[in-house]
C-alpha atoms as a PDB file:
ATOM      1  CA  UNK A   1      25.970 -11.222  26.124  1.00  0.00           C
ATOM      2  CA  UNK A   2      28.826 -10.278  28.487  1.00  0.00           C
ATOM      3  CA  UNK A   3      32.276 -11.725  27.971  1.00  0.00           C
ATOM      4  CA  UNK A   4      34.015 -13.787  30.646  1.00  0.00           C
ATOM      5  CA  UNK A   5      37.338 -14.230  28.842  1.00  0.00           C
ATOM      6  CA  UNK A   6      39.295 -12.381  26.181  1.00  0.00           C
ATOM      7  CA  UNK A   7      39.088 -15.475  23.992  1.00  0.00           C
ATOM      8  CA  UNK A   8      35.310 -14.921  23.745  1.00  0.00           C
ATOM      9  CA  UNK A   9      35.639 -11.446  22.206  1.00  0.00           C
ATOM     10  CA  UNK A  10      34.614 -10.950  18.553  1.00  0.00           C
ATOM     11  CA  UNK A  11      37.299 -11.815  16.009  1.00  0.00           C
ATOM     12  CA  UNK A  12      37.550  -8.187  14.924  1.00  0.00           C
ATOM     13  CA  UNK A  13      38.617  -7.289  18.445  1.00  0.00           C
ATOM     14  CA  UNK A  14      40.853 -10.293  19.164  1.00  0.00           C
ATOM     15  CA  UNK A  15      42.619 -10.124  15.806  1.00  0.00           C
ATOM     16  CA  UNK A  16      43.342  -6.392  15.875  1.00  0.00           C
ATOM     17  CA  UNK A  17      43.738  -5.056  19.392  1.00  0.00           C
ATOM     18  CA  UNK A  18      46.667  -5.544  21.763  1.00  0.00           C
ATOM     19  CA  UNK A  19      45.895  -7.481  24.944  1.00  0.00           C
ATOM     20  CA  UNK A  20      45.490  -4.393  27.150  1.00  0.00           C
ATOM     21  CA  UNK A  21      43.055  -2.858  24.659  1.00  0.00           C
ATOM     22  CA  UNK A  22      41.111  -6.133  24.602  1.00  0.00           C
ATOM     23  CA  UNK A  23      40.850  -5.964  28.393  1.00  0.00           C
ATOM     24  CA  UNK A  24      39.524  -2.397  28.150  1.00  0.00           C
ATOM     25  CA  UNK A  25      37.014  -3.520  25.520  1.00  0.00           C
ATOM     26  CA  UNK A  26      35.786  -6.460  27.585  1.00  0.00           C
ATOM     27  CA  UNK A  27      35.321  -4.425  30.762  1.00  0.00           C
ATOM     28  CA  UNK A  28      33.615  -1.537  28.966  1.00  0.00           C
ATOM     29  CA  UNK A  29      31.310  -3.905  27.077  1.00  0.00           C
ATOM     30  CA  UNK A  30      30.313  -5.749  30.249  1.00  0.00           C
ATOM     31  CA  UNK A  31      29.676  -2.509  32.151  1.00  0.00           C
ATOM     32  CA  UNK A  32      27.584  -1.107  29.304  1.00  0.00           C
ATOM     33  CA  UNK A  33      25.670  -4.396  29.082  1.00  0.00           C
ATOM     34  CA  UNK A  34      24.570  -3.862  32.675  1.00  0.00           C
ATOM     35  CA  UNK A  35      24.033  -0.123  32.369  1.00  0.00           C
ATOM     36  CA  UNK A  36      21.865  -0.242  29.233  1.00  0.00           C
ATOM     37  CA  UNK A  37      19.702  -3.265  29.999  1.00  0.00           C
ATOM     38  CA  UNK A  38      16.562  -1.120  30.009  1.00  0.00           C
ATOM     39  CA  UNK A  39      15.581  -0.019  26.458  1.00  0.00           C
ATOM     40  CA  UNK A  40      14.579   3.439  27.711  1.00  0.00           C
ATOM     41  CA  UNK A  41      18.230   4.052  28.634  1.00  0.00           C
ATOM     42  CA  UNK A  42      19.299   3.565  24.989  1.00  0.00           C
ATOM     43  CA  UNK A  43      18.985   6.065  22.159  1.00  0.00           C
ATOM     44  CA  UNK A  44      16.814   5.154  19.206  1.00  0.00           C
ATOM     45  CA  UNK A  45      16.231   1.522  18.336  1.00  0.00           C
ATOM     46  CA  UNK A  46      19.741   0.320  19.189  1.00  0.00           C
ATOM     47  CA  UNK A  47      19.929  -3.113  20.767  1.00  0.00           C
ATOM     48  CA  UNK A  48      21.607  -3.707  24.090  1.00  0.00           C
ATOM     49  CA  UNK A  49      24.448  -5.501  22.334  1.00  0.00           C
ATOM     50  CA  UNK A  50      24.893  -2.779  19.727  1.00  0.00           C
ATOM     51  CA  UNK A  51      25.134  -0.066  22.385  1.00  0.00           C
ATOM     52  CA  UNK A  52      27.568  -2.148  24.432  1.00  0.00           C
ATOM     53  CA  UNK A  53      29.879  -2.608  21.427  1.00  0.00           C
ATOM     54  CA  UNK A  54      29.789   1.129  20.708  1.00  0.00           C
ATOM     55  CA  UNK A  55      30.678   1.942  24.306  1.00  0.00           C
ATOM     56  CA  UNK A  56      33.488  -0.622  24.280  1.00  0.00           C
ATOM     57  CA  UNK A  57      35.051   0.773  21.103  1.00  0.00           C
ATOM     58  CA  UNK A  58      34.773   4.287  22.484  1.00  0.00           C
ATOM     59  CA  UNK A  59      36.625   3.207  25.632  1.00  0.00           C
ATOM     60  CA  UNK A  60      39.404   1.616  23.564  1.00  0.00           C
ATOM     61  CA  UNK A  61      39.770   4.755  21.437  1.00  0.00           C
ATOM     62  CA  UNK A  62      40.409   6.841  24.546  1.00  0.00           C
ATOM     63  CA  UNK A  63      43.731   5.033  25.101  1.00  0.00           C
ATOM     64  CA  UNK A  64      44.539   3.554  21.681  1.00  0.00           C
ATOM     65  CA  UNK A  65      44.670   4.755  18.097  1.00  0.00           C
ATOM     66  CA  UNK A  66      45.490   3.262  14.716  1.00  0.00           C
ATOM     67  CA  UNK A  67      48.912   4.121  13.339  1.00  0.00           C
ATOM     68  CA  UNK A  68      49.707   4.687   9.659  1.00  0.00           C
ATOM     69  CA  UNK A  69      50.116   0.922   9.189  1.00  0.00           C
ATOM     70  CA  UNK A  70      46.618   0.264  10.536  1.00  0.00           C
ATOM     71  CA  UNK A  71      47.852  -1.212  13.823  1.00  0.00           C
ATOM     72  CA  UNK A  72      46.344  -0.226  17.146  1.00  0.00           C
ATOM     73  CA  UNK A  73      48.913   1.449  19.413  1.00  0.00           C
ATOM     74  CA  UNK A  74      48.734   3.144  22.785  1.00  0.00           C
ATOM     75  CA  UNK A  75      48.400   6.923  22.562  1.00  0.00           C
END
């Protein structure tokens, strides 16, 4: 289900990503939710939600990476 606010994001996102990365995640998730609503647009048996989370994490990883302390920082 799409997210309206950052506070609705999964704990693993809220508790680990900086605010800007959370915004990227939310927007990417919501866009993927719309884009992959039809099962034929998804690979394999992945659910709409599963695909949307994968897309969102991929979008975050384009701008952010984990440092040696395990914290997400901007590239």
